[in-house]
Amino acid sequence: MITRLRIDGMSCQRCVQAVFTALTPVEGIVSATVAIGTAEIEHDGRATVEALREAIAVAGYDASPASDMRRALPVL
């Protein structure tokens, strides 16, 4: 499974490292790609969105599912 999150408040590579490190203890994560403002986490299903958000909160940031960022285009 892949979970994409938007992360508010990140502004530098140190922020990226802090979030990456905070995700490390979450069970079930296979890999994580963290960039300023986003994270893409591949996991086996044990890592819930809530568990990921809680881990990121430990690093001092708020996270929300990336689907919240999408905008719908009108269907013509």
PDB file of N, CA and C in Angstrom:
ATOM      1  N   MET A   1       0.834  -1.173   0.000  1.00  0.00           N
ATOM      2  CA  MET A   1       0.000   0.000   0.000  1.00  0.00           C
ATOM      3  C   MET A   1       0.884   1.243   0.000  1.00  0.00           C
ATOM      4  N   ILE A   2       0.356   2.313  -0.582  1.00  0.00           N
ATOM      5  CA  ILE A   2       1.076   3.583  -0.581  1.00  0.00           C
ATOM      6  C   ILE A   2       0.159   4.654  -0.009  1.00  0.00           C
ATOM      7  N   THR A   3       0.675   5.414   0.951  1.00  0.00           N
ATOM      8  CA  THR A   3      -0.053   6.531   1.536  1.00  0.00           C
ATOM      9  C   THR A   3       0.728   7.796   1.242  1.00  0.00           C
ATOM     10  N   ARG A   4       0.028   8.781   0.695  1.00  0.00           N
ATOM     11  CA  ARG A   4       0.642  10.079   0.416  1.00  0.00           C
ATOM     12  C   ARG A   4       0.074  11.105   1.381  1.00  0.00           C
ATOM     13  N   LEU A   5       0.963  11.874   1.997  1.00  0.00           N
ATOM     14  CA  LEU A   5       0.550  12.880   2.970  1.00  0.00           C
ATOM     15  C   LEU A   5       1.073  14.257   2.594  1.00  0.00           C
ATOM     16  N   ARG A   6       0.277  15.261   2.890  1.00  0.00           N
ATOM     17  CA  ARG A   6       0.734  16.650   2.802  1.00  0.00           C
ATOM     18  C   ARG A   6       1.172  17.023   4.215  1.00  0.00           C
ATOM     19  N   ILE A   7       2.332  17.661   4.325  1.00  0.00           N
ATOM     20  CA  ILE A   7       2.872  18.017   5.637  1.00  0.00           C
ATOM     21  C   ILE A   7       3.057  19.526   5.691  1.00  0.00           C
ATOM     22  N   ASP A   8       2.357  20.156   6.614  1.00  0.00           N
ATOM     23  CA  ASP A   8       2.420  21.609   6.759  1.00  0.00           C
ATOM     24  C   ASP A   8       3.559  22.028   7.679  1.00  0.00           C
ATOM     25  N   GLY A   9       4.199  23.131   7.337  1.00  0.00           N
ATOM     26  CA  GLY A   9       5.218  23.720   8.192  1.00  0.00           C
ATOM     27  C   GLY A   9       6.652  23.355   7.856  1.00  0.00           C
ATOM     28  N   MET A  10       6.861  22.506   6.893  1.00  0.00           N
ATOM     29  CA  MET A  10       8.221  22.120   6.519  1.00  0.00           C
ATOM     30  C   MET A  10       8.821  23.184   5.609  1.00  0.00           C
ATOM     31  N   SER A  11      10.092  23.531   5.843  1.00  0.00           N
ATOM     32  CA  SER A  11      10.708  24.567   5.016  1.00  0.00           C
ATOM     33  C   SER A  11      12.157  24.298   4.643  1.00  0.00           C
ATOM     34  N   CYS A  12      12.723  23.182   5.125  1.00  0.00           N
ATOM     35  CA  CYS A  12      14.141  22.945   4.842  1.00  0.00           C
ATOM     36  C   CYS A  12      14.452  21.451   4.898  1.00  0.00           C
ATOM     37  N   GLN A  13      15.671  21.113   4.541  1.00  0.00           N
ATOM     38  CA  GLN A  13      16.105  19.713   4.546  1.00  0.00           C
ATOM     39  C   GLN A  13      16.180  19.150   5.961  1.00  0.00           C
ATOM     40  N   ARG A  14      16.417  19.997   6.929  1.00  0.00           N
ATOM     41  CA  ARG A  14      16.426  19.519   8.315  1.00  0.00           C
ATOM     42  C   ARG A  14      15.027  19.043   8.711  1.00  0.00           C
ATOM     43  N   CYS A  15      14.000  19.745   8.217  1.00  0.00           N
ATOM     44  CA  CYS A  15      12.611  19.335   8.444  1.00  0.00           C
ATOM     45  C   CYS A  15      12.363  17.967   7.816  1.00  0.00           C
ATOM     46  N   VAL A  16      12.855  17.784   6.607  1.00  0.00           N
ATOM     47  CA  VAL A  16      12.709  16.515   5.904  1.00  0.00           C
ATOM     48  C   VAL A  16      13.338  15.400   6.727  1.00  0.00           C
ATOM     49  N   GLN A  17      14.516  15.612   7.226  1.00  0.00           N
ATOM     50  CA  GLN A  17      15.215  14.598   8.026  1.00  0.00           C
ATOM     51  C   GLN A  17      14.458  14.311   9.316  1.00  0.00           C
ATOM     52  N   ALA A  18      13.905  15.338   9.952  1.00  0.00           N
ATOM     53  CA  ALA A  18      13.156  15.146  11.197  1.00  0.00           C
ATOM     54  C   ALA A  18      11.919  14.281  10.955  1.00  0.00           C
ATOM     55  N   VAL A  19      11.204  14.530   9.874  1.00  0.00           N
ATOM     56  CA  VAL A  19      10.006  13.743   9.555  1.00  0.00           C
ATOM     57  C   VAL A  19      10.401  12.315   9.205  1.00  0.00           C
ATOM     58  N   PHE A  20      11.427  12.143   8.389  1.00  0.00           N
ATOM     59  CA  PHE A  20      11.886  10.811   8.013  1.00  0.00           C
ATOM     60  C   PHE A  20      12.252  10.004   9.254  1.00  0.00           C
ATOM     61  N   THR A  21      12.986  10.621  10.163  1.00  0.00           N
ATOM     62  CA  THR A  21      13.398   9.956  11.398  1.00  0.00           C
ATOM     63  C   THR A  21      12.187   9.611  12.264  1.00  0.00           C
ATOM     64  N   ALA A  22      11.205  10.506  12.328  1.00  0.00           N
ATOM     65  CA  ALA A  22      10.008  10.262  13.130  1.00  0.00           C
ATOM     66  C   ALA A  22       9.185   9.095  12.596  1.00  0.00           C
ATOM     67  N   LEU A  23       9.244   8.845  11.291  1.00  0.00           N
ATOM     68  CA  LEU A  23       8.500   7.735  10.684  1.00  0.00           C
ATOM     69  C   LEU A  23       9.157   6.379  10.936  1.00  0.00           C
ATOM     70  N   THR A  24      10.423   6.373  11.253  1.00  0.00           N
ATOM     71  CA  THR A  24      11.197   5.135  11.391  1.00  0.00           C
ATOM     72  C   THR A  24      10.561   4.097  12.320  1.00  0.00           C
ATOM     73  N   PRO A  25      10.051   4.472  13.504  1.00  0.00           N
ATOM     74  CA  PRO A  25       9.513   3.431  14.394  1.00  0.00           C
ATOM     75  C   PRO A  25       8.114   2.913  14.048  1.00  0.00           C
ATOM     76  N   VAL A  26       7.457   3.487  13.064  1.00  0.00           N
ATOM     77  CA  VAL A  26       6.097   3.045  12.713  1.00  0.00           C
ATOM     78  C   VAL A  26       6.174   1.663  12.071  1.00  0.00           C
ATOM     79  N   GLU A  27       5.454   0.711  12.672  1.00  0.00           N
ATOM     80  CA  GLU A  27       5.480  -0.665  12.165  1.00  0.00           C
ATOM     81  C   GLU A  27       4.818  -0.779  10.808  1.00  0.00           C
ATOM     82  N   GLY A  28       5.425  -1.573   9.947  1.00  0.00           N
ATOM     83  CA  GLY A  28       4.844  -1.876   8.651  1.00  0.00           C
ATOM     84  C   GLY A  28       5.371  -1.041   7.502  1.00  0.00           C
ATOM     85  N   ILE A  29       6.173  -0.018   7.795  1.00  0.00           N
ATOM     86  CA  ILE A  29       6.695   0.819   6.717  1.00  0.00           C
ATOM     87  C   ILE A  29       7.787   0.060   5.973  1.00  0.00           C
ATOM     88  N   VAL A  30       7.646   0.001   4.655  1.00  0.00           N
ATOM     89  CA  VAL A  30       8.639  -0.644   3.795  1.00  0.00           C
ATOM     90  C   VAL A  30       9.641   0.399   3.320  1.00  0.00           C
ATOM     91  N   SER A  31       9.138   1.573   2.908  1.00  0.00           N
ATOM     92  CA  SER A  31      10.011   2.669   2.492  1.00  0.00           C
ATOM     93  C   SER A  31       9.242   3.975   2.624  1.00  0.00           C
ATOM     94  N   ALA A  32       9.990   5.065   2.694  1.00  0.00           N
ATOM     95  CA  ALA A  32       9.377   6.389   2.792  1.00  0.00           C
ATOM     96  C   ALA A  32      10.204   7.374   1.982  1.00  0.00           C
ATOM     97  N   THR A  33       9.523   8.187   1.225  1.00  0.00           N
ATOM     98  CA  THR A  33      10.149   9.275   0.492  1.00  0.00           C
ATOM     99  C   THR A  33       9.567  10.562   1.050  1.00  0.00           C
ATOM    100  N   VAL A  34      10.432  11.375   1.639  1.00  0.00           N
ATOM    101  CA  VAL A  34       9.976  12.621   2.266  1.00  0.00           C
ATOM    102  C   VAL A  34      10.636  13.782   1.548  1.00  0.00           C
ATOM    103  N   ALA A  35       9.830  14.773   1.186  1.00  0.00           N
ATOM    104  CA  ALA A  35      10.318  16.015   0.582  1.00  0.00           C
ATOM    105  C   ALA A  35       9.629  17.159   1.314  1.00  0.00           C
ATOM    106  N   ILE A  36      10.072  18.362   1.062  1.00  0.00           N
ATOM    107  CA  ILE A  36       9.463  19.510   1.723  1.00  0.00           C
ATOM    108  C   ILE A  36       7.971  19.554   1.390  1.00  0.00           C
ATOM    109  N   GLY A  37       7.152  19.399   2.415  1.00  0.00           N
ATOM    110  CA  GLY A  37       5.706  19.478   2.269  1.00  0.00           C
ATOM    111  C   GLY A  37       4.974  18.193   1.942  1.00  0.00           C
ATOM    112  N   THR A  38       5.704  17.103   1.665  1.00  0.00           N
ATOM    113  CA  THR A  38       5.028  15.858   1.298  1.00  0.00           C
ATOM    114  C   THR A  38       5.786  14.638   1.807  1.00  0.00           C
ATOM    115  N   ALA A  39       5.049  13.546   1.890  1.00  0.00           N
ATOM    116  CA  ALA A  39       5.661  12.250   2.194  1.00  0.00           C
ATOM    117  C   ALA A  39       4.878  11.180   1.449  1.00  0.00           C
ATOM    118  N   GLU A  40       5.598  10.222   0.907  1.00  0.00           N
ATOM    119  CA  GLU A  40       4.990   9.063   0.269  1.00  0.00           C
ATOM    120  C   GLU A  40       5.536   7.848   0.995  1.00  0.00           C
ATOM    121  N   ILE A  41       4.623   7.118   1.635  1.00  0.00           N
ATOM    122  CA  ILE A  41       5.029   6.001   2.470  1.00  0.00           C
ATOM    123  C   ILE A  41       4.482   4.700   1.895  1.00  0.00           C
ATOM    124  N   GLU A  42       5.376   3.770   1.621  1.00  0.00           N
ATOM    125  CA  GLU A  42       4.970   2.428   1.196  1.00  0.00           C
ATOM    126  C   GLU A  42       4.961   1.555   2.438  1.00  0.00           C
ATOM    127  N   HIS A  43       3.839   0.845   2.652  1.00  0.00           N
ATOM    128  CA  HIS A  43       3.723   0.027   3.860  1.00  0.00           C
ATOM    129  C   HIS A  43       2.892  -1.216   3.571  1.00  0.00           C
ATOM    130  N   ASP A  44       2.889  -2.117   4.542  1.00  0.00           N
ATOM    131  CA  ASP A  44       2.189  -3.391   4.372  1.00  0.00           C
ATOM    132  C   ASP A  44       0.747  -3.361   4.881  1.00  0.00           C
ATOM    133  N   GLY A  45       0.238  -2.199   5.242  1.00  0.00           N
ATOM    134  CA  GLY A  45      -1.130  -2.064   5.723  1.00  0.00           C
ATOM    135  C   GLY A  45      -1.238  -1.868   7.220  1.00  0.00           C
ATOM    136  N   ARG A  46      -0.193  -2.197   7.952  1.00  0.00           N
ATOM    137  CA  ARG A  46      -0.228  -1.998   9.406  1.00  0.00           C
ATOM    138  C   ARG A  46      -0.058  -0.543   9.786  1.00  0.00           C
ATOM    139  N   ALA A  47       0.562   0.255   8.939  1.00  0.00           N
ATOM    140  CA  ALA A  47       0.795   1.674   9.222  1.00  0.00           C
ATOM    141  C   ALA A  47      -0.447   2.461   8.789  1.00  0.00           C
ATOM    142  N   THR A  48      -1.286   2.786   9.751  1.00  0.00           N
ATOM    143  CA  THR A  48      -2.501   3.534   9.442  1.00  0.00           C
ATOM    144  C   THR A  48      -2.170   5.013   9.231  1.00  0.00           C
ATOM    145  N   VAL A  49      -3.081   5.718   8.597  1.00  0.00           N
ATOM    146  CA  VAL A  49      -2.891   7.158   8.402  1.00  0.00           C
ATOM    147  C   VAL A  49      -2.747   7.840   9.754  1.00  0.00           C
ATOM    148  N   GLU A  50      -3.541   7.411  10.721  1.00  0.00           N
ATOM    149  CA  GLU A  50      -3.464   8.020  12.054  1.00  0.00           C
ATOM    150  C   GLU A  50      -2.101   7.781  12.702  1.00  0.00           C
ATOM    151  N   ALA A  51      -1.563   6.577  12.565  1.00  0.00           N
ATOM    152  CA  ALA A  51      -0.240   6.275  13.121  1.00  0.00           C
ATOM    153  C   ALA A  51       0.835   7.122  12.447  1.00  0.00           C
ATOM    154  N   LEU A  52       0.720   7.301  11.134  1.00  0.00           N
ATOM    155  CA  LEU A  52       1.680   8.131  10.409  1.00  0.00           C
ATOM    156  C   LEU A  52       1.575   9.583  10.842  1.00  0.00           C
ATOM    157  N   ARG A  53       0.335  10.080  10.980  1.00  0.00           N
ATOM    158  CA  ARG A  53       0.130  11.469  11.409  1.00  0.00           C
ATOM    159  C   ARG A  53       0.678  11.700  12.815  1.00  0.00           C
ATOM    160  N   GLU A  54       0.477  10.725  13.705  1.00  0.00           N
ATOM    161  CA  GLU A  54       0.992  10.842  15.071  1.00  0.00           C
ATOM    162  C   GLU A  54       2.519  10.880  15.082  1.00  0.00           C
ATOM    163  N   ALA A  55       3.142  10.052  14.273  1.00  0.00           N
ATOM    164  CA  ALA A  55       4.605  10.039  14.201  1.00  0.00           C
ATOM    165  C   ALA A  55       5.125  11.378  13.684  1.00  0.00           C
ATOM    166  N   ILE A  56       4.473  11.917  12.675  1.00  0.00           N
ATOM    167  CA  ILE A  56       4.895  13.199  12.111  1.00  0.00           C
ATOM    168  C   ILE A  56       4.670  14.324  13.115  1.00  0.00           C
ATOM    169  N   ALA A  57       3.612  14.215  13.913  1.00  0.00           N
ATOM    170  CA  ALA A  57       3.348  15.217  14.955  1.00  0.00           C
ATOM    171  C   ALA A  57       4.467  15.246  15.987  1.00  0.00           C
ATOM    172  N   VAL A  58       5.077  14.094  16.254  1.00  0.00           N
ATOM    173  CA  VAL A  58       6.211  14.033  17.183  1.00  0.00           C
ATOM    174  C   VAL A  58       7.350  14.921  16.675  1.00  0.00           C
ATOM    175  N   ALA A  59       7.508  14.991  15.356  1.00  0.00           N
ATOM    176  CA  ALA A  59       8.546  15.835  14.764  1.00  0.00           C
ATOM    177  C   ALA A  59       8.126  17.310  14.739  1.00  0.00           C
ATOM    178  N   GLY A  60       6.863  17.590  15.080  1.00  0.00           N
ATOM    179  CA  GLY A  60       6.404  18.967  15.168  1.00  0.00           C
ATOM    180  C   GLY A  60       5.624  19.475  13.969  1.00  0.00           C
ATOM    181  N   TYR A  61       5.096  18.564  13.153  1.00  0.00           N
ATOM    182  CA  TYR A  61       4.391  18.975  11.934  1.00  0.00           C
ATOM    183  C   TYR A  61       3.000  18.351  11.868  1.00  0.00           C
ATOM    184  N   ASP A  62       2.119  19.010  11.138  1.00  0.00           N
ATOM    185  CA  ASP A  62       0.772  18.500  10.908  1.00  0.00           C
ATOM    186  C   ASP A  62       0.730  17.847   9.538  1.00  0.00           C
ATOM    187  N   ALA A  63       0.079  16.690   9.471  1.00  0.00           N
ATOM    188  CA  ALA A  63      -0.028  15.964   8.202  1.00  0.00           C
ATOM    189  C   ALA A  63      -1.486  15.669   7.901  1.00  0.00           C
ATOM    190  N   SER A  64      -1.802  15.651   6.620  1.00  0.00           N
ATOM    191  CA  SER A  64      -3.146  15.280   6.181  1.00  0.00           C
ATOM    192  C   SER A  64      -3.008  14.475   4.892  1.00  0.00           C
ATOM    193  N   PRO A  65      -3.991  13.625   4.618  1.00  0.00           N
ATOM    194  CA  PRO A  65      -3.923  12.834   3.381  1.00  0.00           C
ATOM    195  C   PRO A  65      -3.777  13.744   2.160  1.00  0.00           C
ATOM    196  N   ALA A  66      -2.934  13.358   1.243  1.00  0.00           N
ATOM    197  CA  ALA A  66      -2.664  14.177   0.061  1.00  0.00           C
ATOM    198  C   ALA A  66      -3.899  14.340  -0.803  1.00  0.00           C
ATOM    199  N   SER A  67      -4.858  13.427  -0.692  1.00  0.00           N
ATOM    200  CA  SER A  67      -6.073  13.557  -1.488  1.00  0.00           C
ATOM    201  C   SER A  67      -6.835  14.827  -1.131  1.00  0.00           C
ATOM    202  N   ASP A  68      -6.596  15.357   0.075  1.00  0.00           N
ATOM    203  CA  ASP A  68      -7.231  16.620   0.472  1.00  0.00           C
ATOM    204  C   ASP A  68      -6.733  17.787  -0.365  1.00  0.00           C
ATOM    205  N   MET A  69      -5.561  17.619  -1.013  1.00  0.00           N
ATOM    206  CA  MET A  69      -4.971  18.703  -1.796  1.00  0.00           C
ATOM    207  C   MET A  69      -5.520  18.738  -3.208  1.00  0.00           C
ATOM    208  N   ARG A  70      -6.150  17.680  -3.655  1.00  0.00           N
ATOM    209  CA  ARG A  70      -6.584  17.607  -5.050  1.00  0.00           C
ATOM    210  C   ARG A  70      -7.768  18.526  -5.290  1.00  0.00           C
ATOM    211  N   ARG A  71      -7.805  19.062  -6.496  1.00  0.00           N
ATOM    212  CA  ARG A  71      -8.919  19.891  -6.896  1.00  0.00           C
ATOM    213  C   ARG A  71      -9.650  19.180  -8.018  1.00  0.00           C
ATOM    214  N   ALA A  72     -10.944  19.250  -7.982  1.00  0.00           N
ATOM    215  CA  ALA A  72     -11.743  18.607  -9.022  1.00  0.00           C
ATOM    216  C   ALA A  72     -11.965  19.592 -10.170  1.00  0.00           C
ATOM    217  N   LEU A  73     -11.772  19.092 -11.369  1.00  0.00           N
ATOM    218  CA  LEU A  73     -12.046  19.894 -12.550  1.00  0.00           C
ATOM    219  C   LEU A  73     -13.494  19.658 -12.992  1.00  0.00           C
ATOM    220  N   PRO A  74     -14.137  20.682 -13.494  1.00  0.00           N
ATOM    221  CA  PRO A  74     -15.509  20.453 -13.944  1.00  0.00           C
ATOM    222  C   PRO A  74     -15.537  19.524 -15.157  1.00  0.00           C
ATOM    223  N   VAL A  75     -16.514  18.668 -15.185  1.00  0.00           N
ATOM    224  CA  VAL A  75     -16.688  17.745 -16.308  1.00  0.00           C
ATOM    225  C   VAL A  75     -17.512  18.467 -17.351  1.00  0.00           C
ATOM    226  N   LEU A  76     -16.988  18.549 -18.567  1.00  0.00           N
ATOM    227  CA  LEU A  76     -17.679  19.251 -19.637  1.00  0.00           C
ATOM    228  C   LEU A  76     -18.487  18.318 -20.490  1.00  0.00           C
TER     229      LEU A  76
END
